[in-house]
Amino acid sequence: MGKFCEVCHKGVVSGNNVSHSNHKTRRTWAPNTQRVRVNVNGTPTRMYVCTRCLRSGKVERV
């Protein structure tokens, strides 16, 4: 849990690490999610929210 944003549904993406010798190994990029208390229909709820949603004001913190 905590690898995706429950507001914008941003999740883990995968790709390759590429070394200097062009050797490729798999890796993942996870969004910067924080577990915060937000107002959902007037009730405080804990959700995993990415920092982009927090900064842009898409959620109202308690």
PDB file of N, CA and C in Angstrom:
ATOM      1  N   MET A   1       0.841  -1.179   0.000  1.00  0.00           N
ATOM      2  CA  MET A   1       0.000   0.000   0.000  1.00  0.00           C
ATOM      3  C   MET A   1       0.885   1.241   0.000  1.00  0.00           C
ATOM      4  N   GLY A   2       0.337   2.331  -0.492  1.00  0.00           N
ATOM      5  CA  GLY A   2       1.095   3.560  -0.495  1.00  0.00           C
ATOM      6  C   GLY A   2       1.909   3.773  -1.750  1.00  0.00           C
ATOM      7  N   LYS A   3       1.742   2.931  -2.754  1.00  0.00           N
ATOM      8  CA  LYS A   3       2.491   3.092  -3.995  1.00  0.00           C
ATOM      9  C   LYS A   3       1.686   3.785  -5.073  1.00  0.00           C
ATOM     10  N   PHE A   4       0.473   4.237  -4.739  1.00  0.00           N
ATOM     11  CA  PHE A   4      -0.304   4.981  -5.712  1.00  0.00           C
ATOM     12  C   PHE A   4      -1.120   6.050  -4.989  1.00  0.00           C
ATOM     13  N   CYS A   5      -1.462   7.103  -5.721  1.00  0.00           N
ATOM     14  CA  CYS A   5      -2.240   8.215  -5.180  1.00  0.00           C
ATOM     15  C   CYS A   5      -3.722   7.867  -5.311  1.00  0.00           C
ATOM     16  N   GLU A   6      -4.467   8.007  -4.192  1.00  0.00           N
ATOM     17  CA  GLU A   6      -5.886   7.680  -4.209  1.00  0.00           C
ATOM     18  C   GLU A   6      -6.732   8.810  -4.779  1.00  0.00           C
ATOM     19  N   VAL A   7      -6.128   9.946  -5.114  1.00  0.00           N
ATOM     20  CA  VAL A   7      -6.865  11.072  -5.695  1.00  0.00           C
ATOM     21  C   VAL A   7      -6.739  11.067  -7.210  1.00  0.00           C
ATOM     22  N   CYS A   8      -5.519  11.077  -7.718  1.00  0.00           N
ATOM     23  CA  CYS A   8      -5.311  11.147  -9.170  1.00  0.00           C
ATOM     24  C   CYS A   8      -4.938   9.794  -9.770  1.00  0.00           C
ATOM     25  N   HIS A   9      -4.823   8.756  -8.946  1.00  0.00           N
ATOM     26  CA  HIS A   9      -4.515   7.395  -9.376  1.00  0.00           C
ATOM     27  C   HIS A   9      -3.172   7.286 -10.080  1.00  0.00           C
ATOM     28  N   LYS A  10      -2.239   8.158  -9.709  1.00  0.00           N
ATOM     29  CA  LYS A  10      -0.874   8.045 -10.208  1.00  0.00           C
ATOM     30  C   LYS A  10      -0.224   6.855  -9.528  1.00  0.00           C
ATOM     31  N   GLY A  11       0.442   5.996 -10.295  1.00  0.00           N
ATOM     32  CA  GLY A  11       0.996   4.778  -9.732  1.00  0.00           C
ATOM     33  C   GLY A  11       2.435   4.544 -10.147  1.00  0.00           C
ATOM     34  N   VAL A  12       2.893   3.335  -9.909  1.00  0.00           N
ATOM     35  CA  VAL A  12       4.265   2.945 -10.190  1.00  0.00           C
ATOM     36  C   VAL A  12       4.437   2.758 -11.694  1.00  0.00           C
ATOM     37  N   VAL A  13       5.534   3.250 -12.237  1.00  0.00           N
ATOM     38  CA  VAL A  13       5.905   3.002 -13.618  1.00  0.00           C
ATOM     39  C   VAL A  13       7.234   2.263 -13.619  1.00  0.00           C
ATOM     40  N   SER A  14       7.482   1.502 -14.663  1.00  0.00           N
ATOM     41  CA  SER A  14       8.700   0.711 -14.712  1.00  0.00           C
ATOM     42  C   SER A  14       9.503   1.078 -15.949  1.00  0.00           C
ATOM     43  N   GLY A  15      10.780   0.752 -15.867  1.00  0.00           N
ATOM     44  CA  GLY A  15      11.684   1.036 -16.969  1.00  0.00           C
ATOM     45  C   GLY A  15      12.996   0.329 -16.740  1.00  0.00           C
ATOM     46  N   ASN A  16      14.051   0.865 -17.300  1.00  0.00           N
ATOM     47  CA  ASN A  16      15.363   0.247 -17.225  1.00  0.00           C
ATOM     48  C   ASN A  16      16.372   1.170 -16.560  1.00  0.00           C
ATOM     49  N   ASN A  17      17.247   0.600 -15.720  1.00  0.00           N
ATOM     50  CA  ASN A  17      18.505   1.239 -15.380  1.00  0.00           C
ATOM     51  C   ASN A  17      19.447   0.958 -16.532  1.00  0.00           C
ATOM     52  N   VAL A  18      20.130   1.975 -17.025  1.00  0.00           N
ATOM     53  CA  VAL A  18      21.074   1.788 -18.122  1.00  0.00           C
ATOM     54  C   VAL A  18      22.448   2.207 -17.628  1.00  0.00           C
ATOM     55  N   SER A  19      23.374   1.255 -17.600  1.00  0.00           N
ATOM     56  CA  SER A  19      24.716   1.532 -17.110  1.00  0.00           C
ATOM     57  C   SER A  19      25.559   2.172 -18.211  1.00  0.00           C
ATOM     58  N   HIS A  20      26.770   2.529 -17.849  1.00  0.00           N
ATOM     59  CA  HIS A  20      27.691   3.137 -18.813  1.00  0.00           C
ATOM     60  C   HIS A  20      28.014   2.173 -19.944  1.00  0.00           C
ATOM     61  N   SER A  21      28.015   0.871 -19.641  1.00  0.00           N
ATOM     62  CA  SER A  21      28.283  -0.134 -20.672  1.00  0.00           C
ATOM     63  C   SER A  21      27.010  -0.563 -21.410  1.00  0.00           C
ATOM     64  N   ASN A  22      25.918   0.195 -21.207  1.00  0.00           N
ATOM     65  CA  ASN A  22      24.626  -0.034 -21.861  1.00  0.00           C
ATOM     66  C   ASN A  22      23.959  -1.328 -21.399  1.00  0.00           C
ATOM     67  N   HIS A  23      24.323  -1.821 -20.212  1.00  0.00           N
ATOM     68  CA  HIS A  23      23.673  -2.989 -19.620  1.00  0.00           C
ATOM     69  C   HIS A  23      22.378  -2.527 -18.975  1.00  0.00           C
ATOM     70  N   LYS A  24      21.281  -3.231 -19.257  1.00  0.00           N
ATOM     71  CA  LYS A  24      19.966  -2.789 -18.792  1.00  0.00           C
ATOM     72  C   LYS A  24      19.420  -3.749 -17.738  1.00  0.00           C
ATOM     73  N   THR A  25      18.955  -3.188 -16.619  1.00  0.00           N
ATOM     74  CA  THR A  25      18.264  -3.952 -15.590  1.00  0.00           C
ATOM     75  C   THR A  25      16.962  -3.222 -15.271  1.00  0.00           C
ATOM     76  N   ARG A  26      15.955  -3.970 -14.849  1.00  0.00           N
ATOM     77  CA  ARG A  26      14.638  -3.389 -14.599  1.00  0.00           C
ATOM     78  C   ARG A  26      14.624  -2.599 -13.297  1.00  0.00           C
ATOM     79  N   ARG A  27      13.843  -1.543 -13.284  1.00  0.00           N
ATOM     80  CA  ARG A  27      13.654  -0.730 -12.091  1.00  0.00           C
ATOM     81  C   ARG A  27      12.269  -0.112 -12.116  1.00  0.00           C
ATOM     82  N   THR A  28      11.860   0.471 -10.969  1.00  0.00           N
ATOM     83  CA  THR A  28      10.542   1.095 -10.884  1.00  0.00           C
ATOM     84  C   THR A  28      10.690   2.510 -10.344  1.00  0.00           C
ATOM     85  N   TRP A  29       9.735   3.353 -10.703  1.00  0.00           N
ATOM     86  CA  TRP A  29       9.618   4.699 -10.156  1.00  0.00           C
ATOM     87  C   TRP A  29       8.280   4.781  -9.448  1.00  0.00           C
ATOM     88  N   ALA A  30       8.316   5.111  -8.162  1.00  0.00           N
ATOM     89  CA  ALA A  30       7.083   5.234  -7.388  1.00  0.00           C
ATOM     90  C   ALA A  30       6.807   6.716  -7.125  1.00  0.00           C
ATOM     91  N   PRO A  31       5.545   7.137  -7.107  1.00  0.00           N
ATOM     92  CA  PRO A  31       5.235   8.534  -6.803  1.00  0.00           C
ATOM     93  C   PRO A  31       5.486   8.834  -5.330  1.00  0.00           C
ATOM     94  N   ASN A  32       5.714  10.091  -5.033  1.00  0.00           N
ATOM     95  CA  ASN A  32       5.961  10.534  -3.663  1.00  0.00           C
ATOM     96  C   ASN A  32       4.610  10.670  -2.974  1.00  0.00           C
ATOM     97  N   THR A  33       4.177   9.606  -2.285  1.00  0.00           N
ATOM     98  CA  THR A  33       2.879   9.617  -1.630  1.00  0.00           C
ATOM     99  C   THR A  33       3.058   9.789  -0.129  1.00  0.00           C
ATOM    100  N   GLN A  34       2.128  10.523   0.466  1.00  0.00           N
ATOM    101  CA  GLN A  34       2.119  10.764   1.903  1.00  0.00           C
ATOM    102  C   GLN A  34       0.774  10.300   2.447  1.00  0.00           C
ATOM    103  N   ARG A  35       0.778   9.745   3.651  1.00  0.00           N
ATOM    104  CA  ARG A  35      -0.476   9.336   4.296  1.00  0.00           C
ATOM    105  C   ARG A  35      -0.966  10.514   5.121  1.00  0.00           C
ATOM    106  N   VAL A  36      -2.042  11.147   4.657  1.00  0.00           N
ATOM    107  CA  VAL A  36      -2.544  12.364   5.294  1.00  0.00           C
ATOM    108  C   VAL A  36      -4.019  12.194   5.616  1.00  0.00           C
ATOM    109  N   ARG A  37      -4.502  13.011   6.558  1.00  0.00           N
ATOM    110  CA  ARG A  37      -5.926  13.054   6.881  1.00  0.00           C
ATOM    111  C   ARG A  37      -6.574  14.115   6.003  1.00  0.00           C
ATOM    112  N   VAL A  38      -7.601  13.722   5.259  1.00  0.00           N
ATOM    113  CA  VAL A  38      -8.289  14.642   4.357  1.00  0.00           C
ATOM    114  C   VAL A  38      -9.781  14.583   4.637  1.00  0.00           C
ATOM    115  N   ASN A  39     -10.489  15.631   4.237  1.00  0.00           N
ATOM    116  CA  ASN A  39     -11.938  15.689   4.353  1.00  0.00           C
ATOM    117  C   ASN A  39     -12.562  14.991   3.154  1.00  0.00           C
ATOM    118  N   VAL A  40     -13.340  13.935   3.419  1.00  0.00           N
ATOM    119  CA  VAL A  40     -14.091  13.253   2.368  1.00  0.00           C
ATOM    120  C   VAL A  40     -15.553  13.284   2.780  1.00  0.00           C
ATOM    121  N   ASN A  41     -16.332  14.100   2.099  1.00  0.00           N
ATOM    122  CA  ASN A  41     -17.758  14.297   2.409  1.00  0.00           C
ATOM    123  C   ASN A  41     -17.970  14.721   3.860  1.00  0.00           C
ATOM    124  N   GLY A  42     -17.089  15.571   4.368  1.00  0.00           N
ATOM    125  CA  GLY A  42     -17.228  16.100   5.711  1.00  0.00           C
ATOM    126  C   GLY A  42     -16.650  15.237   6.812  1.00  0.00           C
ATOM    127  N   THR A  43     -16.130  14.047   6.481  1.00  0.00           N
ATOM    128  CA  THR A  43     -15.546  13.182   7.501  1.00  0.00           C
ATOM    129  C   THR A  43     -14.046  13.051   7.261  1.00  0.00           C
ATOM    130  N   PRO A  44     -13.250  13.113   8.329  1.00  0.00           N
ATOM    131  CA  PRO A  44     -11.808  12.952   8.152  1.00  0.00           C
ATOM    132  C   PRO A  44     -11.449  11.495   7.851  1.00  0.00           C
ATOM    133  N   THR A  45     -10.644  11.302   6.828  1.00  0.00           N
ATOM    134  CA  THR A  45     -10.229   9.980   6.388  1.00  0.00           C
ATOM    135  C   THR A  45      -8.748  10.009   6.070  1.00  0.00           C
ATOM    136  N   ARG A  46      -8.046   8.932   6.411  1.00  0.00           N
ATOM    137  CA  ARG A  46      -6.633   8.827   6.048  1.00  0.00           C
ATOM    138  C   ARG A  46      -6.518   8.242   4.649  1.00  0.00           C
ATOM    139  N   MET A  47      -5.741   8.939   3.805  1.00  0.00           N
ATOM    140  CA  MET A  47      -5.553   8.497   2.427  1.00  0.00           C
ATOM    141  C   MET A  47      -4.102   8.672   2.051  1.00  0.00           C
ATOM    142  N   TYR A  48      -3.656   7.880   1.059  1.00  0.00           N
ATOM    143  CA  TYR A  48      -2.354   8.086   0.454  1.00  0.00           C
ATOM    144  C   TYR A  48      -2.539   9.062  -0.700  1.00  0.00           C
ATOM    145  N   VAL A  49      -1.871  10.233  -0.604  1.00  0.00           N
ATOM    146  CA  VAL A  49      -2.028  11.286  -1.591  1.00  0.00           C
ATOM    147  C   VAL A  49      -0.644  11.701  -2.059  1.00  0.00           C
ATOM    148  N   CYS A  50      -0.472  11.891  -3.370  1.00  0.00           N
ATOM    149  CA  CYS A  50       0.823  12.324  -3.872  1.00  0.00           C
ATOM    150  C   CYS A  50       1.028  13.804  -3.549  1.00  0.00           C
ATOM    151  N   THR A  51       2.266  14.205  -3.487  1.00  0.00           N
ATOM    152  CA  THR A  51       2.594  15.566  -3.093  1.00  0.00           C
ATOM    153  C   THR A  51       2.138  16.578  -4.138  1.00  0.00           C
ATOM    154  N   ARG A  52       1.982  16.184  -5.384  1.00  0.00           N
ATOM    155  CA  ARG A  52       1.473  17.093  -6.406  1.00  0.00           C
ATOM    156  C   ARG A  52       0.019  17.448  -6.128  1.00  0.00           C
ATOM    157  N   CYS A  53      -0.781  16.480  -5.695  1.00  0.00           N
ATOM    158  CA  CYS A  53      -2.182  16.750  -5.353  1.00  0.00           C
ATOM    159  C   CYS A  53      -2.280  17.595  -4.092  1.00  0.00           C
ATOM    160  N   LEU A  54      -1.391  17.361  -3.122  1.00  0.00           N
ATOM    161  CA  LEU A  54      -1.394  18.169  -1.911  1.00  0.00           C
ATOM    162  C   LEU A  54      -1.050  19.619  -2.214  1.00  0.00           C
ATOM    163  N   ARG A  55      -0.036  19.811  -3.064  1.00  0.00           N
ATOM    164  CA  ARG A  55       0.433  21.168  -3.356  1.00  0.00           C
ATOM    165  C   ARG A  55      -0.554  21.937  -4.217  1.00  0.00           C
ATOM    166  N   SER A  56      -1.258  21.241  -5.129  1.00  0.00           N
ATOM    167  CA  SER A  56      -2.170  21.932  -6.032  1.00  0.00           C
ATOM    168  C   SER A  56      -3.529  22.188  -5.395  1.00  0.00           C
ATOM    169  N   GLY A  57      -3.780  21.610  -4.198  1.00  0.00           N
ATOM    170  CA  GLY A  57      -5.040  21.845  -3.517  1.00  0.00           C
ATOM    171  C   GLY A  57      -6.180  20.970  -3.971  1.00  0.00           C
ATOM    172  N   LYS A  58      -5.883  19.805  -4.524  1.00  0.00           N
ATOM    173  CA  LYS A  58      -6.954  18.901  -4.974  1.00  0.00           C
ATOM    174  C   LYS A  58      -7.654  18.238  -3.800  1.00  0.00           C
ATOM    175  N   VAL A  59      -7.015  18.231  -2.615  1.00  0.00           N
ATOM    176  CA  VAL A  59      -7.632  17.659  -1.420  1.00  0.00           C
ATOM    177  C   VAL A  59      -7.638  18.719  -0.323  1.00  0.00           C
ATOM    178  N   GLU A  60      -8.603  18.607   0.579  1.00  0.00           N
ATOM    179  CA  GLU A  60      -8.691  19.528   1.708  1.00  0.00           C
ATOM    180  C   GLU A  60      -8.237  18.772   2.936  1.00  0.00           C
ATOM    181  N   ARG A  61      -7.142  19.232   3.548  1.00  0.00           N
ATOM    182  CA  ARG A  61      -6.612  18.562   4.738  1.00  0.00           C
ATOM    183  C   ARG A  61      -7.432  18.916   5.963  1.00  0.00           C
ATOM    184  N   VAL A  62      -7.444  18.006   6.925  1.00  0.00           N
ATOM    185  CA  VAL A  62      -8.193  18.215   8.168  1.00  0.00           C
ATOM    186  C   VAL A  62      -7.337  19.037   9.110  1.00  0.00           C
TER     187      VAL A  62
END
